[in-house]
């Protein structure tokens, strides 16, 4: 296990056989850990860090009806109100053209990956992690959203995350923001006419979509601590804010 004075860790639900993908950066934005693991693997890795800020690409809790109450005041139809079964942070992002998943009002109605996230937050809370921002704490946790992160960093909705061009775009964005990761432009240097004819692509130079999501979260955690004032929180503090790597949001993405 790698130990560092300050770790900035991003955690994302994994699409493979493991529950989570996590990435860890040091204060200089060096990538020193990138792996998949179950809940115990992730919490053990985090526990081994002297100081850690963790950003999780999962809702911190269910919606408490704040968006619904706001819509009622606007005298909308019952159908329109039913469509607001989401957290206020999610409602705000959608108002800016950033499509994010809605969080139901009860844990039982949430998909398994959301429920796993709730358990992760609980475990880290019991381990002493404080909700960001807590300047006197060496162990903080915050919520972010990878799609929203890439929207604000790119200034527009990015290409599809599973596509080759979408992966390249996200890796370029991270690289240009200073993360010391694989240079995505090396991918093109490895492509030749012969390799294309043989169907040989240098995919080992690109990160997987889940890894790119975790890296965006880790960068957001770093920015929140090392560059205070360079992030913004969307949503209600009590219901749960989503922290993003930008000082403000554009009207529409």
C-alpha atoms as a PDB file:
ATOM      1  CA  UNK A   1       0.000   0.000   0.000  1.00  0.00           C
ATOM      2  CA  UNK A   2       1.287   3.452  -0.953  1.00  0.00           C
ATOM      3  CA  UNK A   3       1.371   6.122   1.763  1.00  0.00           C
ATOM      4  CA  UNK A   4       1.616   9.852   1.123  1.00  0.00           C
ATOM      5  CA  UNK A   5       1.321  12.966   3.267  1.00  0.00           C
ATOM      6  CA  UNK A   6      -1.774  14.205   1.446  1.00  0.00           C
ATOM      7  CA  UNK A   7      -3.934  12.037  -0.768  1.00  0.00           C
ATOM      8  CA  UNK A   8      -6.767  13.175  -2.996  1.00  0.00           C
ATOM      9  CA  UNK A   9      -8.920  10.205  -3.819  1.00  0.00           C
ATOM     10  CA  UNK A  10     -11.721   9.854  -6.333  1.00  0.00           C
ATOM     11  CA  UNK A  11     -14.174   6.967  -6.098  1.00  0.00           C
ATOM     12  CA  UNK A  12     -16.629   5.897  -8.779  1.00  0.00           C
ATOM     13  CA  UNK A  13     -18.977   2.923  -9.171  1.00  0.00           C
ATOM     14  CA  UNK A  14     -17.342   0.281 -11.352  1.00  0.00           C
ATOM     15  CA  UNK A  15     -19.087  -1.284 -14.317  1.00  0.00           C
ATOM     16  CA  UNK A  16     -17.093  -4.508 -14.063  1.00  0.00           C
ATOM     17  CA  UNK A  17     -17.043  -7.289 -11.484  1.00  0.00           C
ATOM     18  CA  UNK A  18     -15.772  -4.981  -8.735  1.00  0.00           C
ATOM     19  CA  UNK A  19     -17.906  -2.482  -6.815  1.00  0.00           C
ATOM     20  CA  UNK A  20     -15.716   0.623  -7.110  1.00  0.00           C
ATOM     21  CA  UNK A  21     -12.931   2.198  -9.115  1.00  0.00           C
ATOM     22  CA  UNK A  22     -10.634   4.541  -7.223  1.00  0.00           C
ATOM     23  CA  UNK A  23      -7.838   6.921  -8.188  1.00  0.00           C
ATOM     24  CA  UNK A  24      -5.431   8.741  -5.886  1.00  0.00           C
ATOM     25  CA  UNK A  25      -3.353  11.860  -6.538  1.00  0.00           C
ATOM     26  CA  UNK A  26      -0.705  13.478  -4.371  1.00  0.00           C
ATOM     27  CA  UNK A  27      -0.265  17.221  -3.789  1.00  0.00           C
ATOM     28  CA  UNK A  28       1.650  17.545  -7.064  1.00  0.00           C
ATOM     29  CA  UNK A  29      -1.080  15.782  -9.047  1.00  0.00           C
ATOM     30  CA  UNK A  30       0.987  12.636  -9.485  1.00  0.00           C
ATOM     31  CA  UNK A  31      -1.182   9.557  -9.906  1.00  0.00           C
ATOM     32  CA  UNK A  32      -0.052   6.992  -7.354  1.00  0.00           C
ATOM     33  CA  UNK A  33      -2.983   4.590  -7.259  1.00  0.00           C
ATOM     34  CA  UNK A  34      -5.593   3.487  -9.778  1.00  0.00           C
ATOM     35  CA  UNK A  35      -7.495   0.278  -9.117  1.00  0.00           C
ATOM     36  CA  UNK A  36     -10.813  -1.515  -8.786  1.00  0.00           C
ATOM     37  CA  UNK A  37     -11.953  -2.990  -5.516  1.00  0.00           C
ATOM     38  CA  UNK A  38     -14.741  -3.961  -3.194  1.00  0.00           C
ATOM     39  CA  UNK A  39     -15.887  -1.799  -0.303  1.00  0.00           C
ATOM     40  CA  UNK A  40     -13.299  -3.220   2.116  1.00  0.00           C
ATOM     41  CA  UNK A  41     -10.467  -2.749  -0.393  1.00  0.00           C
ATOM     42  CA  UNK A  42     -11.340   0.909  -0.911  1.00  0.00           C
ATOM     43  CA  UNK A  43     -11.802   1.741   2.769  1.00  0.00           C
ATOM     44  CA  UNK A  44      -8.563  -0.056   3.681  1.00  0.00           C
ATOM     45  CA  UNK A  45      -6.638   1.952   1.101  1.00  0.00           C
ATOM     46  CA  UNK A  46      -8.138   5.215   2.349  1.00  0.00           C
ATOM     47  CA  UNK A  47      -7.461   4.320   5.969  1.00  0.00           C
ATOM     48  CA  UNK A  48      -3.785   3.914   5.125  1.00  0.00           C
ATOM     49  CA  UNK A  49      -3.384   7.577   4.166  1.00  0.00           C
ATOM     50  CA  UNK A  50      -2.072  10.124   6.663  1.00  0.00           C
ATOM     51  CA  UNK A  51      -4.339  12.811   5.231  1.00  0.00           C
ATOM     52  CA  UNK A  52      -7.066  12.248   2.679  1.00  0.00           C
ATOM     53  CA  UNK A  53      -9.758  14.190   0.879  1.00  0.00           C
ATOM     54  CA  UNK A  54     -12.175  11.830  -0.820  1.00  0.00           C
ATOM     55  CA  UNK A  55     -14.557  12.783  -3.633  1.00  0.00           C
ATOM     56  CA  UNK A  56     -17.271  10.266  -4.399  1.00  0.00           C
ATOM     57  CA  UNK A  57     -19.148  10.027  -7.692  1.00  0.00           C
ATOM     58  CA  UNK A  58     -22.302   8.894  -5.922  1.00  0.00           C
ATOM     59  CA  UNK A  59     -25.186  10.624  -4.132  1.00  0.00           C
ATOM     60  CA  UNK A  60     -24.537  11.178  -0.433  1.00  0.00           C
ATOM     61  CA  UNK A  61     -28.196  10.606   0.427  1.00  0.00           C
ATOM     62  CA  UNK A  62     -31.754  10.435  -0.863  1.00  0.00           C
ATOM     63  CA  UNK A  63     -33.730  13.454  -1.958  1.00  0.00           C
ATOM     64  CA  UNK A  64     -35.693  15.221   0.770  1.00  0.00           C
ATOM     65  CA  UNK A  65     -38.287  16.766  -1.497  1.00  0.00           C
ATOM     66  CA  UNK A  66     -36.734  20.231  -1.745  1.00  0.00           C
ATOM     67  CA  UNK A  67     -37.057  20.363  -5.528  1.00  0.00           C
ATOM     68  CA  UNK A  68     -40.648  19.116  -5.312  1.00  0.00           C
ATOM     69  CA  UNK A  69     -41.601  21.794  -2.769  1.00  0.00           C
ATOM     70  CA  UNK A  70     -40.035  24.467  -4.939  1.00  0.00           C
ATOM     71  CA  UNK A  71     -42.021  23.278  -7.951  1.00  0.00           C
ATOM     72  CA  UNK A  72     -45.265  23.307  -5.973  1.00  0.00           C
ATOM     73  CA  UNK A  73     -44.760  26.990  -5.312  1.00  0.00           C
ATOM     74  CA  UNK A  74     -44.592  27.569  -9.059  1.00  0.00           C
ATOM     75  CA  UNK A  75     -48.142  26.214  -9.442  1.00  0.00           C
ATOM     76  CA  UNK A  76     -47.140  23.405 -11.783  1.00  0.00           C
ATOM     77  CA  UNK A  77     -49.376  20.493 -12.752  1.00  0.00           C
ATOM     78  CA  UNK A  78     -49.221  17.253 -10.707  1.00  0.00           C
ATOM     79  CA  UNK A  79     -47.478  15.572 -13.654  1.00  0.00           C
ATOM     80  CA  UNK A  80     -44.769  18.232 -13.734  1.00  0.00           C
ATOM     81  CA  UNK A  81     -44.331  17.960  -9.977  1.00  0.00           C
ATOM     82  CA  UNK A  82     -43.930  14.157 -10.174  1.00  0.00           C
ATOM     83  CA  UNK A  83     -41.034  14.708 -12.564  1.00  0.00           C
ATOM     84  CA  UNK A  84     -39.162  16.552  -9.818  1.00  0.00           C
ATOM     85  CA  UNK A  85     -38.408  13.412  -7.798  1.00  0.00           C
ATOM     86  CA  UNK A  86     -34.764  14.335  -7.553  1.00  0.00           C
ATOM     87  CA  UNK A  87     -32.444  16.255  -5.302  1.00  0.00           C
ATOM     88  CA  UNK A  88     -32.187  20.015  -5.573  1.00  0.00           C
ATOM     89  CA  UNK A  89     -28.553  19.705  -6.737  1.00  0.00           C
ATOM     90  CA  UNK A  90     -29.647  17.410  -9.562  1.00  0.00           C
ATOM     91  CA  UNK A  91     -32.443  19.815 -10.469  1.00  0.00           C
ATOM     92  CA  UNK A  92     -29.969  22.701 -10.646  1.00  0.00           C
ATOM     93  CA  UNK A  93     -27.594  20.789 -12.907  1.00  0.00           C
ATOM     94  CA  UNK A  94     -30.417  19.837 -15.246  1.00  0.00           C
ATOM     95  CA  UNK A  95     -31.429  23.496 -15.418  1.00  0.00           C
ATOM     96  CA  UNK A  96     -27.934  24.169 -16.779  1.00  0.00           C
ATOM     97  CA  UNK A  97     -28.264  21.438 -19.406  1.00  0.00           C
ATOM     98  CA  UNK A  98     -26.232  18.834 -17.494  1.00  0.00           C
ATOM     99  CA  UNK A  99     -28.146  15.553 -17.475  1.00  0.00           C
ATOM    100  CA  UNK A 100     -27.585  13.619 -14.247  1.00  0.00           C
ATOM    101  CA  UNK A 101     -29.311  10.639 -12.670  1.00  0.00           C
ATOM    102  CA  UNK A 102     -32.196  11.346 -10.319  1.00  0.00           C
ATOM    103  CA  UNK A 103     -31.975  10.184  -6.711  1.00  0.00           C
ATOM    104  CA  UNK A 104     -35.221   8.712  -5.291  1.00  0.00           C
ATOM    105  CA  UNK A 105     -36.727   9.770  -1.965  1.00  0.00           C
ATOM    106  CA  UNK A 106     -36.032   6.488  -0.172  1.00  0.00           C
ATOM    107  CA  UNK A 107     -33.055   4.139  -0.117  1.00  0.00           C
ATOM    108  CA  UNK A 108     -35.275   1.164  -0.966  1.00  0.00           C
ATOM    109  CA  UNK A 109     -36.135   2.744  -4.318  1.00  0.00           C
ATOM    110  CA  UNK A 110     -32.500   3.441  -5.172  1.00  0.00           C
ATOM    111  CA  UNK A 111     -30.528   1.103  -7.456  1.00  0.00           C
ATOM    112  CA  UNK A 112     -27.882  -1.130  -5.898  1.00  0.00           C
ATOM    113  CA  UNK A 113     -24.986   1.103  -6.961  1.00  0.00           C
ATOM    114  CA  UNK A 114     -26.533   4.081  -5.151  1.00  0.00           C
ATOM    115  CA  UNK A 115     -27.128   2.009  -2.034  1.00  0.00           C
ATOM    116  CA  UNK A 116     -23.494   0.906  -2.129  1.00  0.00           C
ATOM    117  CA  UNK A 117     -22.578   4.582  -2.182  1.00  0.00           C
ATOM    118  CA  UNK A 118     -24.698   5.306   0.884  1.00  0.00           C
ATOM    119  CA  UNK A 119     -22.876   2.514   2.717  1.00  0.00           C
ATOM    120  CA  UNK A 120     -19.500   3.905   1.638  1.00  0.00           C
ATOM    121  CA  UNK A 121     -20.376   7.341   3.026  1.00  0.00           C
ATOM    122  CA  UNK A 122     -21.515   5.732   6.297  1.00  0.00           C
ATOM    123  CA  UNK A 123     -18.305   3.733   6.657  1.00  0.00           C
ATOM    124  CA  UNK A 124     -16.098   6.715   5.977  1.00  0.00           C
ATOM    125  CA  UNK A 125     -18.143   8.792   8.398  1.00  0.00           C
ATOM    126  CA  UNK A 126     -17.606   6.202  11.122  1.00  0.00           C
ATOM    127  CA  UNK A 127     -13.897   6.232  10.274  1.00  0.00           C
ATOM    128  CA  UNK A 128     -13.759   9.927  11.138  1.00  0.00           C
ATOM    129  CA  UNK A 129     -14.228  11.613   7.789  1.00  0.00           C
ATOM    130  CA  UNK A 130     -15.860  15.039   7.997  1.00  0.00           C
ATOM    131  CA  UNK A 131     -18.133  16.559   5.398  1.00  0.00           C
ATOM    132  CA  UNK A 132     -16.235  19.070   3.236  1.00  0.00           C
ATOM    133  CA  UNK A 133     -15.420  21.889   3.926  1.00  0.00           C
ATOM    134  CA  UNK A 134     -13.923  21.255   7.350  1.00  0.00           C
ATOM    135  CA  UNK A 135     -10.613  23.132   7.346  1.00  0.00           C
ATOM    136  CA  UNK A 136      -9.389  21.649  10.634  1.00  0.00           C
ATOM    137  CA  UNK A 137      -9.897  18.063   9.494  1.00  0.00           C
ATOM    138  CA  UNK A 138      -7.226  15.949   7.799  1.00  0.00           C
ATOM    139  CA  UNK A 139      -9.915  13.573   6.513  1.00  0.00           C
ATOM    140  CA  UNK A 140     -12.722  15.069   4.450  1.00  0.00           C
ATOM    141  CA  UNK A 141     -15.331  13.701   2.100  1.00  0.00           C
ATOM    142  CA  UNK A 142     -17.372  15.373  -0.609  1.00  0.00           C
ATOM    143  CA  UNK A 143     -19.754  14.429  -3.379  1.00  0.00           C
ATOM    144  CA  UNK A 144     -19.137  15.181  -7.025  1.00  0.00           C
ATOM    145  CA  UNK A 145     -20.412  13.991 -10.399  1.00  0.00           C
ATOM    146  CA  UNK A 146     -18.081  12.959 -13.243  1.00  0.00           C
ATOM    147  CA  UNK A 147     -20.333  13.964 -16.126  1.00  0.00           C
ATOM    148  CA  UNK A 148     -20.894  17.390 -14.582  1.00  0.00           C
ATOM    149  CA  UNK A 149     -17.148  17.710 -13.923  1.00  0.00           C
ATOM    150  CA  UNK A 150     -16.295  17.125 -17.550  1.00  0.00           C
ATOM    151  CA  UNK A 151     -19.066  19.488 -18.671  1.00  0.00           C
ATOM    152  CA  UNK A 152     -17.672  22.390 -16.641  1.00  0.00           C
ATOM    153  CA  UNK A 153     -14.045  21.617 -17.549  1.00  0.00           C
ATOM    154  CA  UNK A 154     -14.829  21.322 -21.258  1.00  0.00           C
ATOM    155  CA  UNK A 155     -17.309  24.186 -21.274  1.00  0.00           C
ATOM    156  CA  UNK A 156     -19.793  21.955 -23.078  1.00  0.00           C
ATOM    157  CA  UNK A 157     -21.319  18.505 -22.861  1.00  0.00           C
ATOM    158  CA  UNK A 158     -18.504  16.049 -23.657  1.00  0.00           C
ATOM    159  CA  UNK A 159     -18.620  13.228 -26.168  1.00  0.00           C
ATOM    160  CA  UNK A 160     -20.016   9.861 -25.081  1.00  0.00           C
ATOM    161  CA  UNK A 161     -17.931   8.456 -22.213  1.00  0.00           C
ATOM    162  CA  UNK A 162     -17.777   4.911 -23.634  1.00  0.00           C
ATOM    163  CA  UNK A 163     -16.638   5.979 -27.094  1.00  0.00           C
ATOM    164  CA  UNK A 164     -13.007   6.164 -28.154  1.00  0.00           C
ATOM    165  CA  UNK A 165     -13.285   9.884 -28.878  1.00  0.00           C
ATOM    166  CA  UNK A 166     -15.031  10.475 -25.556  1.00  0.00           C
ATOM    167  CA  UNK A 167     -12.250   8.734 -23.658  1.00  0.00           C
ATOM    168  CA  UNK A 168      -9.604  10.683 -25.552  1.00  0.00           C
ATOM    169  CA  UNK A 169     -11.422  13.943 -24.865  1.00  0.00           C
ATOM    170  CA  UNK A 170     -11.655  13.275 -21.129  1.00  0.00           C
ATOM    171  CA  UNK A 171      -8.031  12.199 -20.857  1.00  0.00           C
ATOM    172  CA  UNK A 172      -6.886  15.301 -22.744  1.00  0.00           C
ATOM    173  CA  UNK A 173      -8.956  17.516 -20.432  1.00  0.00           C
ATOM    174  CA  UNK A 174      -7.385  15.955 -17.347  1.00  0.00           C
ATOM    175  CA  UNK A 175      -3.886  16.111 -18.808  1.00  0.00           C
ATOM    176  CA  UNK A 176      -4.306  19.777 -19.699  1.00  0.00           C
ATOM    177  CA  UNK A 177      -5.501  20.500 -16.167  1.00  0.00           C
ATOM    178  CA  UNK A 178      -2.151  19.328 -14.871  1.00  0.00           C
ATOM    179  CA  UNK A 179      -2.716  15.704 -13.877  1.00  0.00           C
ATOM    180  CA  UNK A 180       0.470  13.717 -14.330  1.00  0.00           C
ATOM    181  CA  UNK A 181      -1.082  10.867 -16.200  1.00  0.00           C
ATOM    182  CA  UNK A 182      -0.445   9.208 -19.567  1.00  0.00           C
ATOM    183  CA  UNK A 183      -0.247  11.771 -22.357  1.00  0.00           C
ATOM    184  CA  UNK A 184      -3.243  10.926 -24.572  1.00  0.00           C
ATOM    185  CA  UNK A 185      -1.468  12.327 -27.632  1.00  0.00           C
ATOM    186  CA  UNK A 186       0.941   9.370 -27.451  1.00  0.00           C
ATOM    187  CA  UNK A 187      -2.014   7.301 -28.635  1.00  0.00           C
ATOM    188  CA  UNK A 188      -1.811   8.941 -32.061  1.00  0.00           C
ATOM    189  CA  UNK A 189       1.959   8.577 -32.299  1.00  0.00           C
ATOM    190  CA  UNK A 190       1.566   4.807 -31.976  1.00  0.00           C
ATOM    191  CA  UNK A 191      -0.895   4.544 -34.850  1.00  0.00           C
ATOM    192  CA  UNK A 192       0.540   3.515 -38.220  1.00  0.00           C
ATOM    193  CA  UNK A 193      -1.001   2.420 -41.512  1.00  0.00           C
ATOM    194  CA  UNK A 194       0.209  -1.132 -40.823  1.00  0.00           C
ATOM    195  CA  UNK A 195      -1.317  -1.241 -37.342  1.00  0.00           C
ATOM    196  CA  UNK A 196      -4.625   0.115 -38.580  1.00  0.00           C
ATOM    197  CA  UNK A 197      -4.705  -2.551 -41.311  1.00  0.00           C
ATOM    198  CA  UNK A 198      -4.064  -5.234 -38.679  1.00  0.00           C
ATOM    199  CA  UNK A 199      -6.612  -3.800 -36.258  1.00  0.00           C
ATOM    200  CA  UNK A 200      -3.936  -3.018 -33.678  1.00  0.00           C
ATOM    201  CA  UNK A 201      -4.837  -0.061 -31.504  1.00  0.00           C
ATOM    202  CA  UNK A 202      -2.665   1.200 -28.591  1.00  0.00           C
ATOM    203  CA  UNK A 203      -5.565   1.058 -26.120  1.00  0.00           C
ATOM    204  CA  UNK A 204      -3.169   0.565 -23.211  1.00  0.00           C
ATOM    205  CA  UNK A 205      -2.374   4.289 -23.497  1.00  0.00           C
ATOM    206  CA  UNK A 206      -5.952   5.238 -22.683  1.00  0.00           C
ATOM    207  CA  UNK A 207      -7.770   4.941 -19.373  1.00  0.00           C
ATOM    208  CA  UNK A 208     -11.066   3.120 -19.040  1.00  0.00           C
ATOM    209  CA  UNK A 209     -14.279   5.186 -18.633  1.00  0.00           C
ATOM    210  CA  UNK A 210     -14.633   4.275 -14.932  1.00  0.00           C
ATOM    211  CA  UNK A 211     -11.000   5.238 -14.352  1.00  0.00           C
ATOM    212  CA  UNK A 212     -11.524   8.590 -16.054  1.00  0.00           C
ATOM    213  CA  UNK A 213     -14.537   9.213 -13.829  1.00  0.00           C
ATOM    214  CA  UNK A 214     -12.494   8.416 -10.726  1.00  0.00           C
ATOM    215  CA  UNK A 215      -9.664  10.664 -11.929  1.00  0.00           C
ATOM    216  CA  UNK A 216     -12.063  13.580 -12.408  1.00  0.00           C
ATOM    217  CA  UNK A 217     -13.291  13.086  -8.843  1.00  0.00           C
ATOM    218  CA  UNK A 218      -9.736  12.923  -7.484  1.00  0.00           C
ATOM    219  CA  UNK A 219      -8.884  16.162  -9.294  1.00  0.00           C
ATOM    220  CA  UNK A 220     -11.978  17.816  -7.822  1.00  0.00           C
ATOM    221  CA  UNK A 221     -10.881  16.728  -4.339  1.00  0.00           C
ATOM    222  CA  UNK A 222      -7.414  18.192  -4.978  1.00  0.00           C
ATOM    223  CA  UNK A 223      -8.821  21.453  -6.277  1.00  0.00           C
ATOM    224  CA  UNK A 224     -11.188  21.797  -3.315  1.00  0.00           C
ATOM    225  CA  UNK A 225      -8.260  21.714  -0.872  1.00  0.00           C
ATOM    226  CA  UNK A 226      -5.237  23.012  -2.747  1.00  0.00           C
ATOM    227  CA  UNK A 227      -6.977  25.724  -4.789  1.00  0.00           C
ATOM    228  CA  UNK A 228      -9.746  26.941  -2.520  1.00  0.00           C
ATOM    229  CA  UNK A 229     -12.140  29.175  -4.374  1.00  0.00           C
ATOM    230  CA  UNK A 230     -11.687  27.230  -7.619  1.00  0.00           C
ATOM    231  CA  UNK A 231     -14.659  24.937  -6.976  1.00  0.00           C
ATOM    232  CA  UNK A 232     -18.355  25.512  -6.600  1.00  0.00           C
ATOM    233  CA  UNK A 233     -21.051  23.606  -4.747  1.00  0.00           C
ATOM    234  CA  UNK A 234     -24.412  23.002  -6.377  1.00  0.00           C
ATOM    235  CA  UNK A 235     -27.507  22.197  -4.346  1.00  0.00           C
ATOM    236  CA  UNK A 236     -28.632  22.433  -0.739  1.00  0.00           C
ATOM    237  CA  UNK A 237     -26.142  21.849   2.077  1.00  0.00           C
ATOM    238  CA  UNK A 238     -28.539  19.759   4.163  1.00  0.00           C
ATOM    239  CA  UNK A 239     -29.777  17.603   1.299  1.00  0.00           C
ATOM    240  CA  UNK A 240     -26.349  17.270  -0.283  1.00  0.00           C
ATOM    241  CA  UNK A 241     -24.161  19.471  -2.442  1.00  0.00           C
ATOM    242  CA  UNK A 242     -22.315  18.378  -5.570  1.00  0.00           C
ATOM    243  CA  UNK A 243     -18.851  19.956  -5.752  1.00  0.00           C
ATOM    244  CA  UNK A 244     -17.547  20.790  -9.222  1.00  0.00           C
ATOM    245  CA  UNK A 245     -14.130  21.947 -10.541  1.00  0.00           C
ATOM    246  CA  UNK A 246     -15.242  25.433 -11.614  1.00  0.00           C
ATOM    247  CA  UNK A 247     -15.833  28.763  -9.903  1.00  0.00           C
ATOM    248  CA  UNK A 248     -19.237  29.132 -11.518  1.00  0.00           C
ATOM    249  CA  UNK A 249     -21.536  27.414 -13.980  1.00  0.00           C
ATOM    250  CA  UNK A 250     -22.462  28.633 -17.440  1.00  0.00           C
ATOM    251  CA  UNK A 251     -26.140  29.256 -18.120  1.00  0.00           C
ATOM    252  CA  UNK A 252     -26.315  26.260 -20.450  1.00  0.00           C
ATOM    253  CA  UNK A 253     -23.993  23.435 -21.478  1.00  0.00           C
END
